[in-house]
């Protein structure tokens, strides 16, 4: 404790973080059309990432927003549910042309670390990062813009830190 309190409003005013985020947008069951809830959520998250990329491009900025996908398990080992979600996510992303082989997908798990080099750079070609919990602890990637969480929220501090990863502004500037 250094004896200083910095108010969130001051950080927003300094344009270091976003003015706000949208948590849990309303889902329309009619839009599911035989797809799993996971597929619908991934589609919405990727669409938002693409909208942000188009907005940056329109402003003449070379920033590739990063979509973060968090696996559900809270332990250091992968559960059956983790493996199921990971397989569904990677299969779905592959159909969209996002794979580890073409460097558009990064993985940061305790037993797998792929395509993490220079992921923090604004123009990194990595579009999606699949992780479990590593990014919640001191990771700085201002281009991280969309967060899809497949885990049950149990620890408020951990969740706030994870959501905080998408609050930062690229170039510390509001556009």
Protein backbone atom coordinates (compact mmCIF):
# COMPACT_ATOMS: atom_id res chain seq x y z
CA UNK A 1 0.00 0.00 0.00
CA UNK A 2 1.60 3.21 -1.18
CA UNK A 3 -1.15 5.41 0.24
CA UNK A 4 -2.56 6.51 -3.15
CA UNK A 5 -6.02 5.96 -4.52
CA UNK A 6 -6.57 6.51 -8.20
CA UNK A 7 -10.20 6.79 -9.20
CA UNK A 8 -11.45 4.86 -12.21
CA UNK A 9 -12.91 8.06 -13.67
CA UNK A 10 -9.46 9.66 -13.66
CA UNK A 11 -8.00 6.72 -15.59
CA UNK A 12 -10.87 6.84 -18.11
CA UNK A 13 -10.39 10.61 -18.49
CA UNK A 14 -6.68 10.01 -19.16
CA UNK A 15 -7.84 7.64 -21.95
CA UNK A 16 -5.85 4.72 -20.54
CA UNK A 17 -8.92 2.47 -20.26
CA UNK A 18 -12.28 2.21 -22.00
CA UNK A 19 -15.23 4.22 -20.78
CA UNK A 20 -17.14 0.99 -20.25
CA UNK A 21 -17.71 -2.55 -21.40
CA UNK A 22 -20.82 -4.52 -22.27
CA UNK A 23 -21.13 -7.64 -20.15
CA UNK A 24 -23.41 -10.50 -21.13
CA UNK A 25 -25.24 -9.03 -24.11
CA UNK A 26 -28.80 -10.31 -24.47
CA UNK A 27 -29.03 -13.55 -26.40
CA UNK A 28 -32.01 -14.39 -28.56
CA UNK A 29 -32.89 -18.09 -28.42
CA UNK A 30 -34.33 -17.83 -31.95
CA UNK A 31 -30.86 -17.00 -33.28
CA UNK A 32 -29.50 -20.29 -31.98
CA UNK A 33 -30.97 -22.21 -34.95
CA UNK A 34 -29.73 -25.64 -33.89
CA UNK A 35 -26.30 -24.39 -32.87
CA UNK A 36 -24.88 -24.91 -29.41
CA UNK A 37 -24.81 -21.98 -27.00
CA UNK A 38 -21.01 -22.06 -27.25
CA UNK A 39 -21.20 -21.63 -31.04
CA UNK A 40 -23.60 -18.69 -30.71
CA UNK A 41 -21.35 -17.00 -28.15
CA UNK A 42 -18.25 -17.57 -30.29
CA UNK A 43 -20.04 -16.14 -33.33
CA UNK A 44 -21.06 -13.01 -31.39
CA UNK A 45 -17.57 -12.57 -29.94
CA UNK A 46 -15.84 -12.94 -33.31
CA UNK A 47 -18.36 -10.57 -34.90
CA UNK A 48 -17.59 -7.93 -32.24
CA UNK A 49 -13.85 -8.42 -32.79
CA UNK A 50 -14.35 -7.92 -36.55
CA UNK A 51 -16.47 -4.79 -35.94
CA UNK A 52 -13.69 -3.31 -33.82
CA UNK A 53 -11.07 -4.22 -36.45
CA UNK A 54 -13.13 -2.46 -39.12
CA UNK A 55 -13.51 0.62 -36.91
CA UNK A 56 -9.73 0.80 -36.32
CA UNK A 57 -9.09 0.34 -40.05
CA UNK A 58 -11.56 3.12 -40.88
CA UNK A 59 -9.52 5.40 -38.59
CA UNK A 60 -6.34 4.39 -40.41
CA UNK A 61 -4.98 2.47 -37.43
CA UNK A 62 -3.03 -0.77 -37.70
CA UNK A 63 -4.54 -2.44 -34.61
CA UNK A 64 -5.78 -6.02 -34.68
CA UNK A 65 -8.19 -6.41 -31.72
CA UNK A 66 -7.65 -9.64 -29.81
CA UNK A 67 -10.48 -11.99 -28.85
CA UNK A 68 -9.80 -13.77 -25.54
CA UNK A 69 -11.54 -17.10 -24.92
CA UNK A 70 -11.32 -18.45 -21.38
CA UNK A 71 -11.82 -22.16 -20.68
CA UNK A 72 -14.17 -23.12 -17.84
CA UNK A 73 -11.97 -25.05 -15.39
CA UNK A 74 -10.37 -23.40 -12.37
CA UNK A 75 -7.70 -26.07 -11.76
CA UNK A 76 -4.25 -26.36 -13.35
CA UNK A 77 -5.19 -29.55 -15.20
CA UNK A 78 -7.66 -29.76 -18.04
CA UNK A 79 -11.04 -31.28 -17.20
CA UNK A 80 -13.24 -33.21 -19.61
CA UNK A 81 -15.29 -30.00 -20.00
CA UNK A 82 -12.10 -28.01 -20.78
CA UNK A 83 -11.13 -30.50 -23.46
CA UNK A 84 -14.68 -30.52 -24.90
CA UNK A 85 -14.86 -26.70 -25.04
CA UNK A 86 -11.30 -26.45 -26.39
CA UNK A 87 -12.10 -28.95 -29.17
CA UNK A 88 -15.36 -27.21 -30.03
CA UNK A 89 -13.68 -23.79 -30.04
CA UNK A 90 -10.67 -24.87 -32.11
CA UNK A 91 -12.86 -26.77 -34.60
CA UNK A 92 -15.19 -23.78 -34.97
CA UNK A 93 -12.25 -21.37 -35.35
CA UNK A 94 -10.65 -23.64 -37.95
CA UNK A 95 -13.80 -23.37 -40.07
CA UNK A 96 -13.38 -19.58 -39.77
CA UNK A 97 -9.75 -19.86 -40.92
CA UNK A 98 -8.24 -19.21 -37.48
CA UNK A 99 -5.68 -21.85 -36.47
CA UNK A 100 -2.38 -22.16 -34.65
CA UNK A 101 -0.79 -23.25 -37.94
CA UNK A 102 -1.56 -19.95 -39.66
CA UNK A 103 -0.62 -18.01 -36.48
CA UNK A 104 -4.10 -16.52 -36.04
CA UNK A 105 -4.78 -18.60 -32.91
CA UNK A 106 -2.62 -18.51 -29.78
CA UNK A 107 -2.93 -20.94 -26.87
CA UNK A 108 -1.76 -20.18 -23.32
CA UNK A 109 -2.39 -23.20 -21.11
CA UNK A 110 -0.17 -24.83 -18.50
CA UNK A 111 0.64 -27.71 -20.89
CA UNK A 112 0.57 -25.77 -24.18
CA UNK A 113 1.95 -22.39 -25.18
CA UNK A 114 1.63 -21.59 -28.88
CA UNK A 115 2.00 -18.35 -30.89
CA UNK A 116 2.53 -16.13 -27.84
CA UNK A 117 5.57 -14.28 -29.18
CA UNK A 118 4.76 -10.60 -29.82
CA UNK A 119 1.04 -11.20 -29.13
CA UNK A 120 0.95 -7.88 -27.25
CA UNK A 121 1.95 -5.87 -30.35
CA UNK A 122 -0.97 -3.90 -31.81
CA UNK A 123 -0.49 -5.37 -35.30
CA UNK A 124 0.06 -8.99 -34.23
CA UNK A 125 -1.64 -11.37 -36.63
CA UNK A 126 -3.02 -13.43 -33.72
CA UNK A 127 -6.80 -12.90 -33.69
CA UNK A 128 -7.78 -15.22 -30.82
CA UNK A 129 -6.12 -16.30 -27.57
CA UNK A 130 -7.39 -19.44 -25.88
CA UNK A 131 -6.44 -19.48 -22.18
CA UNK A 132 -7.47 -20.68 -18.75
CA UNK A 133 -6.19 -18.25 -16.14
CA UNK A 134 -2.68 -17.05 -17.03
CA UNK A 135 -3.68 -13.63 -18.38
CA UNK A 136 -5.43 -12.50 -15.23
CA UNK A 137 -2.14 -11.96 -13.42
CA UNK A 138 -0.25 -8.91 -14.66
CA UNK A 139 -0.49 -9.46 -18.41
CA UNK A 140 -0.48 -6.25 -20.48
CA UNK A 141 -1.99 -6.43 -23.97
CA UNK A 142 -3.93 -3.24 -24.74
CA UNK A 143 -5.24 -4.66 -28.04
CA UNK A 144 -7.22 -7.31 -26.09
CA UNK A 145 -10.76 -6.15 -26.78
CA UNK A 146 -13.32 -8.96 -26.53
CA UNK A 147 -13.58 -11.55 -23.76
CA UNK A 148 -15.59 -14.77 -23.97
CA UNK A 149 -15.66 -16.60 -20.63
CA UNK A 150 -16.74 -20.24 -20.50
CA UNK A 151 -16.03 -20.57 -16.79
CA UNK A 152 -18.33 -20.09 -13.85
CA UNK A 153 -17.52 -16.89 -12.00
CA UNK A 154 -16.48 -17.85 -8.49
CA UNK A 155 -13.79 -15.41 -7.35
CA UNK A 156 -14.73 -11.76 -7.78
CA UNK A 157 -11.14 -10.47 -7.67
CA UNK A 158 -9.97 -12.97 -10.29
CA UNK A 159 -12.92 -12.08 -12.54
CA UNK A 160 -12.31 -8.34 -12.18
CA UNK A 161 -8.65 -8.83 -13.13
CA UNK A 162 -9.64 -10.92 -16.15
CA UNK A 163 -12.22 -8.38 -17.35
CA UNK A 164 -9.61 -5.68 -16.72
CA UNK A 165 -7.53 -7.16 -19.56
CA UNK A 166 -10.02 -5.81 -22.09
CA UNK A 167 -10.36 -2.38 -20.46
CA UNK A 168 -7.02 -1.04 -21.64
CA UNK A 169 -6.91 1.24 -24.67
CA UNK A 170 -4.46 0.69 -27.52
CA UNK A 171 -2.20 3.74 -27.73
CA UNK A 172 -3.82 4.98 -24.46
CA UNK A 173 -6.34 6.94 -26.49
CA UNK A 174 -10.12 6.92 -26.96
CA UNK A 175 -11.12 6.72 -30.61
